C-alpha atoms as a PDB file:
ATOM      1  CA  UNK A   1     -28.995 -76.883  50.459  1.00  0.00           C
ATOM      2  CA  UNK A   2     -25.639 -75.944  50.003  1.00  0.00           C
ATOM      3  CA  UNK A   3     -25.130 -74.955  46.391  1.00  0.00           C
ATOM      4  CA  UNK A   4     -21.444 -73.916  44.609  1.00  0.00           C
ATOM      5  CA  UNK A   5     -21.525 -70.633  43.266  1.00  0.00           C
ATOM      6  CA  UNK A   6     -18.167 -70.398  42.173  1.00  0.00           C
ATOM      7  CA  UNK A   7     -14.914 -73.234  41.285  1.00  0.00           C
ATOM      8  CA  UNK A   8     -11.515 -72.613  39.874  1.00  0.00           C
ATOM      9  CA  UNK A   9      -8.361 -74.302  41.652  1.00  0.00           C
ATOM     10  CA  UNK A  10      -6.094 -71.961  41.981  1.00  0.00           C
ATOM     11  CA  UNK A  11      -3.380 -75.266  41.505  1.00  0.00           C
ATOM     12  CA  UNK A  12      -3.636 -78.289  39.970  1.00  0.00           C
ATOM     13  CA  UNK A  13      -1.332 -81.339  40.176  1.00  0.00           C
ATOM     14  CA  UNK A  14      -1.493 -84.457  38.385  1.00  0.00           C
ATOM     15  CA  UNK A  15       1.030 -87.059  40.159  1.00  0.00           C
ATOM     16  CA  UNK A  16       0.304 -90.486  38.708  1.00  0.00           C
ATOM     17  CA  UNK A  17      -3.267 -91.351  38.797  1.00  0.00           C
ATOM     18  CA  UNK A  18      -3.617 -88.514  40.930  1.00  0.00           C
ATOM     19  CA  UNK A  19      -5.167 -85.430  41.135  1.00  0.00           C
ATOM     20  CA  UNK A  20      -4.839 -82.467  43.443  1.00  0.00           C
ATOM     21  CA  UNK A  21      -6.546 -79.490  43.064  1.00  0.00           C
ATOM     22  CA  UNK A  22      -5.383 -76.513  45.645  1.00  0.00           C
ATOM     23  CA  UNK A  23      -7.765 -74.227  46.638  1.00  0.00           C
ATOM     24  CA  UNK A  24      -6.818 -70.887  47.901  1.00  0.00           C
ATOM     25  CA  UNK A  25      -8.507 -67.177  48.075  1.00  0.00           C
ATOM     26  CA  UNK A  26     -11.270 -66.028  46.321  1.00  0.00           C
ATOM     27  CA  UNK A  27     -11.983 -69.600  43.613  1.00  0.00           C
ATOM     28  CA  UNK A  28     -14.552 -71.122  45.296  1.00  0.00           C
ATOM     29  CA  UNK A  29     -18.007 -69.818  47.348  1.00  0.00           C
ATOM     30  CA  UNK A  30     -20.938 -71.905  48.199  1.00  0.00           C
ATOM     31  CA  UNK A  31     -24.559 -70.044  48.873  1.00  0.00           C
ATOM     32  CA  UNK A  32     -26.027 -71.580  52.725  1.00  0.00           C
ATOM     33  CA  UNK A  33     -29.615 -70.012  52.738  1.00  0.00           C
ATOM     34  CA  UNK A  34     -29.041 -67.434  49.940  1.00  0.00           C
ATOM     35  CA  UNK A  35     -25.827 -65.643  51.619  1.00  0.00           C
ATOM     36  CA  UNK A  36     -22.766 -66.051  49.798  1.00  0.00           C
ATOM     37  CA  UNK A  37     -19.368 -67.638  51.394  1.00  0.00           C
ATOM     38  CA  UNK A  38     -16.019 -67.216  50.969  1.00  0.00           C
ATOM     39  CA  UNK A  39     -13.539 -70.511  51.497  1.00  0.00           C
ATOM     40  CA  UNK A  40     -10.012 -69.225  53.444  1.00  0.00           C
ATOM     41  CA  UNK A  41      -7.773 -71.776  53.329  1.00  0.00           C
ATOM     42  CA  UNK A  42      -7.225 -72.571  57.139  1.00  0.00           C
ATOM     43  CA  UNK A  43      -7.408 -75.798  57.471  1.00  0.00           C
ATOM     44  CA  UNK A  44      -8.448 -77.749  54.383  1.00  0.00           C
ATOM     45  CA  UNK A  45      -8.030 -76.101  50.909  1.00  0.00           C
ATOM     46  CA  UNK A  46      -6.788 -79.525  49.153  1.00  0.00           C
ATOM     47  CA  UNK A  47      -8.823 -82.332  47.323  1.00  0.00           C
ATOM     48  CA  UNK A  48      -7.138 -84.934  45.680  1.00  0.00           C
ATOM     49  CA  UNK A  49      -8.973 -87.436  43.270  1.00  0.00           C
ATOM     50  CA  UNK A  50      -8.054 -90.715  42.713  1.00  0.00           C
ATOM     51  CA  UNK A  51      -8.957 -90.970  38.355  1.00  0.00           C
ATOM     52  CA  UNK A  52      -8.667 -94.441  38.419  1.00  0.00           C
ATOM     53  CA  UNK A  53     -11.319 -95.350  40.625  1.00  0.00           C
ATOM     54  CA  UNK A  54     -13.217 -91.238  40.257  1.00  0.00           C
ATOM     55  CA  UNK A  55     -13.376 -91.402  44.491  1.00  0.00           C
ATOM     56  CA  UNK A  56     -11.628 -88.178  46.607  1.00  0.00           C
ATOM     57  CA  UNK A  57      -9.649 -89.260  48.707  1.00  0.00           C
ATOM     58  CA  UNK A  58      -8.724 -86.831  51.559  1.00  0.00           C
ATOM     59  CA  UNK A  59     -12.677 -86.832  52.588  1.00  0.00           C
ATOM     60  CA  UNK A  60     -11.389 -86.067  56.583  1.00  0.00           C
ATOM     61  CA  UNK A  61      -9.790 -82.898  54.630  1.00  0.00           C
ATOM     62  CA  UNK A  62     -11.916 -79.586  56.948  1.00  0.00           C
ATOM     63  CA  UNK A  63     -13.150 -76.690  54.163  1.00  0.00           C
ATOM     64  CA  UNK A  64     -14.131 -73.357  56.192  1.00  0.00           C
ATOM     65  CA  UNK A  65     -16.336 -70.458  54.531  1.00  0.00           C
ATOM     66  CA  UNK A  66     -16.207 -67.370  55.535  1.00  0.00           C
ATOM     67  CA  UNK A  67     -18.940 -64.344  55.369  1.00  0.00           C
ATOM     68  CA  UNK A  68     -18.717 -61.491  57.486  1.00  0.00           C
ATOM     69  CA  UNK A  69     -17.604 -62.404  60.709  1.00  0.00           C
ATOM     70  CA  UNK A  70     -19.563 -66.486  60.210  1.00  0.00           C
ATOM     71  CA  UNK A  71     -18.064 -69.622  59.270  1.00  0.00           C
ATOM     72  CA  UNK A  72     -19.590 -72.664  57.640  1.00  0.00           C
ATOM     73  CA  UNK A  73     -17.130 -75.603  58.861  1.00  0.00           C
ATOM     74  CA  UNK A  74     -17.838 -77.954  55.693  1.00  0.00           C
ATOM     75  CA  UNK A  75     -15.639 -82.019  55.855  1.00  0.00           C
ATOM     76  CA  UNK A  76     -14.811 -82.206  52.588  1.00  0.00           C
ATOM     77  CA  UNK A  77     -17.443 -85.537  52.704  1.00  0.00           C
ATOM     78  CA  UNK A  78     -20.595 -83.614  53.913  1.00  0.00           C
ATOM     79  CA  UNK A  79     -19.462 -81.543  51.053  1.00  0.00           C
ATOM     80  CA  UNK A  80     -19.900 -84.099  48.016  1.00  0.00           C
ATOM     81  CA  UNK A  81     -22.863 -84.509  50.149  1.00  0.00           C
ATOM     82  CA  UNK A  82     -25.149 -81.919  50.236  1.00  0.00           C
ATOM     83  CA  UNK A  83     -23.626 -79.628  47.449  1.00  0.00           C
ATOM     84  CA  UNK A  84     -23.174 -79.454  43.664  1.00  0.00           C
ATOM     85  CA  UNK A  85     -19.646 -79.919  44.619  1.00  0.00           C
ATOM     86  CA  UNK A  86     -19.941 -83.090  41.697  1.00  0.00           C
ATOM     87  CA  UNK A  87     -20.862 -80.514  38.940  1.00  0.00           C
ATOM     88  CA  UNK A  88     -18.070 -78.617  39.312  1.00  0.00           C
ATOM     89  CA  UNK A  89     -15.572 -80.899  40.056  1.00  0.00           C
ATOM     90  CA  UNK A  90     -16.242 -83.020  36.239  1.00  0.00           C
ATOM     91  CA  UNK A  91     -15.590 -80.419  34.104  1.00  0.00           C
ATOM     92  CA  UNK A  92     -11.963 -80.217  35.613  1.00  0.00           C
ATOM     93  CA  UNK A  93     -11.493 -84.310  36.300  1.00  0.00           C
ATOM     94  CA  UNK A  94     -12.752 -84.474  31.962  1.00  0.00           C
ATOM     95  CA  UNK A  95     -10.547 -81.253  30.774  1.00  0.00           C
ATOM     96  CA  UNK A  96      -7.444 -82.855  32.790  1.00  0.00           C
ATOM     97  CA  UNK A  97      -8.220 -87.124  31.586  1.00  0.00           C
ATOM     98  CA  UNK A  98      -8.834 -85.775  28.552  1.00  0.00           C
ATOM     99  CA  UNK A  99      -4.834 -85.179  28.781  1.00  0.00           C
ATOM    100  CA  UNK A 100      -4.000 -88.400  30.354  1.00  0.00           C
ATOM    101  CA  UNK A 101      -3.387 -91.643  28.904  1.00  0.00           C
ATOM    102  CA  UNK A 102      -6.234 -94.138  29.805  1.00  0.00           C
ATOM    103  CA  UNK A 103      -4.785 -96.720  31.924  1.00  0.00           C
ATOM    104  CA  UNK A 104      -6.329 -99.920  31.750  1.00  0.00           C
ATOM    105  CA  UNK A 105      -8.706-101.136  34.243  1.00  0.00           C
ATOM    106  CA  UNK A 106      -7.855-104.889  36.109  1.00  0.00           C
ATOM    107  CA  UNK A 107     -10.780-105.031  38.457  1.00  0.00           C
ATOM    108  CA  UNK A 108     -13.219-107.779  37.692  1.00  0.00           C
ATOM    109  CA  UNK A 109     -17.069-106.368  37.182  1.00  0.00           C
ATOM    110  CA  UNK A 110     -18.000-108.501  40.808  1.00  0.00           C
ATOM    111  CA  UNK A 111     -15.491-106.644  43.121  1.00  0.00           C
ATOM    112  CA  UNK A 112     -16.898-103.040  41.215  1.00  0.00           C
ATOM    113  CA  UNK A 113     -19.789-104.058  42.235  1.00  0.00           C
ATOM    114  CA  UNK A 114     -18.901-105.628  46.122  1.00  0.00           C
ATOM    115  CA  UNK A 115     -17.147-101.964  46.157  1.00  0.00           C
ATOM    116  CA  UNK A 116     -19.961 -99.794  45.426  1.00  0.00           C
ATOM    117  CA  UNK A 117     -22.242-102.220  47.955  1.00  0.00           C
ATOM    118  CA  UNK A 118     -20.597-100.891  50.132  1.00  0.00           C
ATOM    119  CA  UNK A 119     -19.742 -96.894  49.804  1.00  0.00           C
ATOM    120  CA  UNK A 120     -23.780 -97.214  49.236  1.00  0.00           C
ATOM    121  CA  UNK A 121     -24.567 -98.549  52.743  1.00  0.00           C
ATOM    122  CA  UNK A 122     -21.027 -96.675  53.877  1.00  0.00           C
ATOM    123  CA  UNK A 123     -22.990 -92.643  52.662  1.00  0.00           C
ATOM    124  CA  UNK A 124     -26.659 -93.965  54.193  1.00  0.00           C
ATOM    125  CA  UNK A 125     -25.787 -94.597  57.351  1.00  0.00           C
ATOM    126  CA  UNK A 126     -22.940 -91.099  57.035  1.00  0.00           C
ATOM    127  CA  UNK A 127     -26.612 -89.829  55.910  1.00  0.00           C
ATOM    128  CA  UNK A 128     -28.733 -91.493  59.232  1.00  0.00           C
ATOM    129  CA  UNK A 129     -26.275 -90.268  60.625  1.00  0.00           C
ATOM    130  CA  UNK A 130     -26.837 -86.101  59.645  1.00  0.00           C
ATOM    131  CA  UNK A 131     -29.855 -86.500  59.786  1.00  0.00           C
ATOM    132  CA  UNK A 132     -29.763 -87.452  63.855  1.00  0.00           C
ATOM    133  CA  UNK A 133     -27.099 -84.528  64.043  1.00  0.00           C
ATOM    134  CA  UNK A 134     -29.607 -81.940  62.229  1.00  0.00           C
ATOM    135  CA  UNK A 135     -32.615 -83.741  64.645  1.00  0.00           C
ATOM    136  CA  UNK A 136     -30.131 -82.600  67.548  1.00  0.00           C
ATOM    137  CA  UNK A 137     -29.980 -79.704  66.191  1.00  0.00           C
ATOM    138  CA  UNK A 138     -32.861 -78.844  65.494  1.00  0.00           C
ATOM    139  CA  UNK A 139     -32.568 -78.101  62.221  1.00  0.00           C
ATOM    140  CA  UNK A 140     -35.002 -78.090  59.675  1.00  0.00           C
ATOM    141  CA  UNK A 141     -34.372 -76.964  57.222  1.00  0.00           C
ATOM    142  CA  UNK A 142     -30.801 -79.336  56.987  1.00  0.00           C
ATOM    143  CA  UNK A 143     -33.658 -82.328  58.347  1.00  0.00           C
ATOM    144  CA  UNK A 144     -35.065 -82.039  54.413  1.00  0.00           C
ATOM    145  CA  UNK A 145     -32.584 -82.164  52.713  1.00  0.00           C
ATOM    146  CA  UNK A 146     -30.931 -84.561  54.293  1.00  0.00           C
ATOM    147  CA  UNK A 147     -33.689 -86.525  54.283  1.00  0.00           C
ATOM    148  CA  UNK A 148     -34.696 -85.345  50.105  1.00  0.00           C
ATOM    149  CA  UNK A 149     -31.450 -86.866  49.139  1.00  0.00           C
ATOM    150  CA  UNK A 150     -31.578 -90.307  51.375  1.00  0.00           C
ATOM    151  CA  UNK A 151     -34.633 -90.549  49.110  1.00  0.00           C
ATOM    152  CA  UNK A 152     -32.866 -89.368  46.136  1.00  0.00           C
ATOM    153  CA  UNK A 153     -29.963 -92.051  47.315  1.00  0.00           C
ATOM    154  CA  UNK A 154     -32.003 -94.955  48.029  1.00  0.00           C
ATOM    155  CA  UNK A 155     -34.851 -95.103  45.076  1.00  0.00           C
ATOM    156  CA  UNK A 156     -37.173 -93.394  46.771  1.00  0.00           C
ATOM    157  CA  UNK A 157     -36.641 -94.699  50.511  1.00  0.00           C
ATOM    158  CA  UNK A 158     -36.416 -93.207  53.717  1.00  0.00           C
ATOM    159  CA  UNK A 159     -35.445 -95.487  56.689  1.00  0.00           C
END
């Protein structure tokens, strides 16, 4: 599993209800297999978060981390799925949100439940696809991590 070691946005900007977090060299690092990889902004470098839904909007953005001559390329959706990045994002969002006047939530509870169901189904399908990829590449550690994540997501049942 990938663990975030350090994450501090180099730059933050609010535009309406969107929060942009821009990262630069040495402001973001992860640990993979007990080795530290540092963020390098050669592909993606920002996260865009909708503060109303607390959803990351640019999930296809690819973040690249480097250790020596080795690189780890992670699409943002995968980084959110297989790491503890949420633990670092929430204090940043809370800090920004405390300085913003909350907007009235105009969505209905039925709609919210429907959206949550769709998101959960998409997450489960994505995890299944990542499990298949781990099996194809014979990455046993990733496979076990993904199975554990799927069991956590489905309440102890991984199909």
